[in-house]
Amino acid sequence: MIRYRSAFRTTTWGLVVALALMCTACGGPWRDTYFKKGVDRLTQDDVREKLGTPHTAKTPALGGDSVWTYRVSMGDKELESMASPGLSGAGESVGALLGKPGEGPKPTLYCFRYTLTFNEQKVLKSWKREECVPGTRETLMAQ
């Protein structure tokens, strides 16, 4: 009976750890998770403390929503964590073309723009992530 409980406990913990690792791997870039969990909770001060001063900040003079923009470079490894089908490993061949002989492949970086909208109380209302130049990643991967 004691062996059975020990085996059951070990199996249960193994499943919990495996499930936690799978959830972490599918989470995408950390910024996505940060903003997704922060809607209706994060303030402009919270975001500024975490990411620094935004690249652009538009606040209407007569009140209304503020829009902040951050430009972020992300490599293939961070993007692969988003679990997009058909994208895994494709950027490594592009990185190999950019590296010097004997140094190995250099990581390929892509520019993404995070657009954050804050309400008049300076709380995150919505966010989106998009390529700085739409189609760049697909174009480079096709080569």
Protein backbone atom coordinates (compact mmCIF):
# COMPACT_ATOMS: atom_id res chain seq x y z
CA MET A 1 0.00 0.00 0.00
CA ILE A 2 2.86 2.40 0.82
CA ARG A 3 4.53 1.69 -2.55
CA TYR A 4 1.27 2.46 -4.33
CA ARG A 5 0.92 5.85 -2.58
CA SER A 6 4.54 6.74 -3.31
CA ALA A 7 4.18 5.86 -7.00
CA PHE A 8 0.89 7.78 -7.21
CA ARG A 9 2.44 10.84 -5.53
CA THR A 10 5.48 10.74 -7.85
CA THR A 11 3.27 10.41 -10.93
CA THR A 12 1.02 13.24 -9.78
CA TRP A 13 3.98 15.59 -9.21
CA GLY A 14 5.44 14.61 -12.56
CA LEU A 15 2.19 15.53 -14.30
CA VAL A 16 1.98 18.85 -12.45
CA VAL A 17 5.54 19.76 -13.46
CA ALA A 18 4.95 18.70 -17.09
CA LEU A 19 1.74 20.73 -17.27
CA ALA A 20 3.47 23.79 -15.81
CA LEU A 21 6.29 23.53 -18.36
CA MET A 22 3.82 23.19 -21.24
CA CYS A 23 1.90 26.26 -20.11
CA THR A 24 5.12 28.25 -19.83
CA ALA A 25 6.29 27.18 -23.30
CA CYS A 26 3.02 28.26 -24.92
CA GLY A 27 2.88 31.60 -23.16
CA GLY A 28 4.51 33.60 -25.92
CA PRO A 29 6.77 36.57 -25.38
CA TRP A 30 6.71 37.72 -21.75
CA ARG A 31 5.36 41.13 -22.77
CA ASP A 32 2.23 39.52 -24.23
CA THR A 33 1.53 37.75 -20.95
CA TYR A 34 2.31 40.90 -18.96
CA PHE A 35 -0.14 43.03 -20.96
CA LYS A 36 -2.81 40.34 -21.23
CA LYS A 37 -2.90 39.96 -17.45
CA GLY A 38 -2.59 43.72 -16.98
CA VAL A 39 -5.67 44.91 -18.87
CA ASP A 40 -7.87 46.94 -16.48
CA ARG A 41 -5.14 46.64 -13.82
CA LEU A 42 -1.76 48.06 -14.95
CA THR A 43 -1.21 51.81 -14.74
CA GLN A 44 1.02 53.97 -16.90
CA ASP A 45 3.47 54.15 -14.00
CA ASP A 46 3.57 50.32 -13.76
CA VAL A 47 4.33 49.98 -17.46
CA ARG A 48 6.91 52.79 -17.46
CA GLU A 49 8.68 51.14 -14.50
CA LYS A 50 8.79 47.77 -16.30
CA LEU A 51 9.55 48.89 -19.89
CA GLY A 52 10.93 52.40 -19.54
CA THR A 53 9.76 55.51 -21.36
CA PRO A 54 7.57 54.73 -24.39
CA HIS A 55 8.91 55.50 -27.86
CA THR A 56 5.81 57.57 -28.55
CA ALA A 57 3.07 58.81 -26.23
CA LYS A 58 -0.06 60.57 -27.43
CA THR A 59 -2.35 62.14 -24.83
CA PRO A 60 -5.30 64.20 -26.06
CA ALA A 61 -5.31 67.75 -24.70
CA LEU A 62 -9.06 67.67 -24.06
CA GLY A 63 -9.11 64.29 -22.32
CA GLY A 64 -9.69 60.78 -23.64
CA ASP A 65 -7.54 57.71 -24.13
CA SER A 66 -3.75 57.91 -24.24
CA VAL A 67 -1.81 55.76 -26.70
CA TRP A 68 1.74 54.60 -26.00
CA THR A 69 3.97 52.76 -28.43
CA TYR A 70 7.01 50.61 -27.72
CA ARG A 71 9.27 49.17 -30.41
CA VAL A 72 10.84 45.87 -29.39
CA SER A 73 13.30 43.52 -31.08
CA MET A 74 12.50 39.83 -30.75
CA GLY A 75 14.50 36.85 -31.95
CA ASP A 76 13.33 33.54 -33.36
CA LYS A 77 13.60 31.76 -30.03
CA GLU A 78 11.23 34.18 -28.30
CA LEU A 79 8.81 34.11 -31.24
CA GLU A 80 8.82 30.31 -31.40
CA SER A 81 7.51 30.27 -27.85
CA MET A 82 4.23 31.56 -29.26
CA ALA A 83 3.75 28.08 -30.76
CA SER A 84 2.81 29.29 -34.24
CA PRO A 85 2.49 26.31 -36.60
CA GLY A 86 5.05 26.07 -39.36
CA LEU A 87 7.46 28.67 -37.98
CA SER A 88 9.69 26.55 -35.78
CA GLY A 89 13.36 26.69 -36.72
CA ALA A 90 12.83 28.47 -40.02
CA GLY A 91 14.74 31.59 -38.95
CA GLU A 92 17.89 29.66 -38.10
CA SER A 93 18.82 29.28 -41.78
CA VAL A 94 18.39 33.03 -42.28
CA GLY A 95 20.58 33.66 -39.21
CA ALA A 96 23.26 31.37 -40.63
CA LEU A 97 23.41 33.51 -43.78
CA LEU A 98 24.06 36.63 -41.71
CA GLY A 99 26.81 35.14 -39.51
CA LYS A 100 30.53 35.18 -40.27
CA PRO A 101 32.21 31.87 -41.11
CA GLY A 102 33.35 30.05 -38.00
CA GLU A 103 31.15 32.11 -35.64
CA GLY A 104 27.99 30.10 -36.10
CA PRO A 105 24.58 31.55 -36.84
CA LYS A 106 23.70 34.97 -35.50
CA PRO A 107 20.19 35.39 -34.17
CA THR A 108 17.75 37.03 -36.54
CA LEU A 109 15.90 39.91 -34.89
CA TYR A 110 12.51 41.26 -35.90
CA CYS A 111 10.96 44.58 -34.92
CA PHE A 112 7.56 44.52 -33.25
CA ARG A 113 5.43 47.44 -32.12
CA TYR A 114 3.34 47.22 -28.96
CA THR A 115 0.51 49.75 -28.96
CA LEU A 116 -1.01 50.34 -25.53
CA THR A 117 -4.20 52.28 -24.92
CA PHE A 118 -4.83 53.78 -21.48
CA ASN A 119 -8.11 55.27 -20.28
CA GLU A 120 -8.38 58.72 -18.69
CA GLN A 121 -7.56 57.19 -15.28
CA LYS A 122 -4.22 56.02 -16.79
CA VAL A 123 -5.13 52.31 -16.57
CA LEU A 124 -4.36 49.90 -19.43
CA LYS A 125 -7.51 49.51 -21.52
CA SER A 126 -6.18 47.44 -24.46
CA TRP A 127 -2.98 46.46 -26.27
CA LYS A 128 -1.81 44.91 -29.51
CA ARG A 129 1.44 43.62 -30.99
CA GLU A 130 2.27 43.91 -34.68
CA GLU A 131 5.36 43.94 -36.87
CA CYS A 132 6.95 47.36 -37.36
CA VAL A 133 6.99 46.61 -41.09
CA PRO A 134 4.22 44.09 -41.84
CA GLY A 135 5.41 40.92 -43.61
CA THR A 136 9.12 41.28 -42.75
CA ARG A 137 9.40 37.98 -40.92
CA GLU A 138 7.54 36.01 -43.60
CA THR A 139 9.70 37.57 -46.33
CA LEU A 140 12.95 36.70 -44.56
CA MET A 141 11.81 33.15 -43.81
CA ALA A 142 10.87 32.54 -47.43
CA GLN A 143 14.44 33.24 -48.56
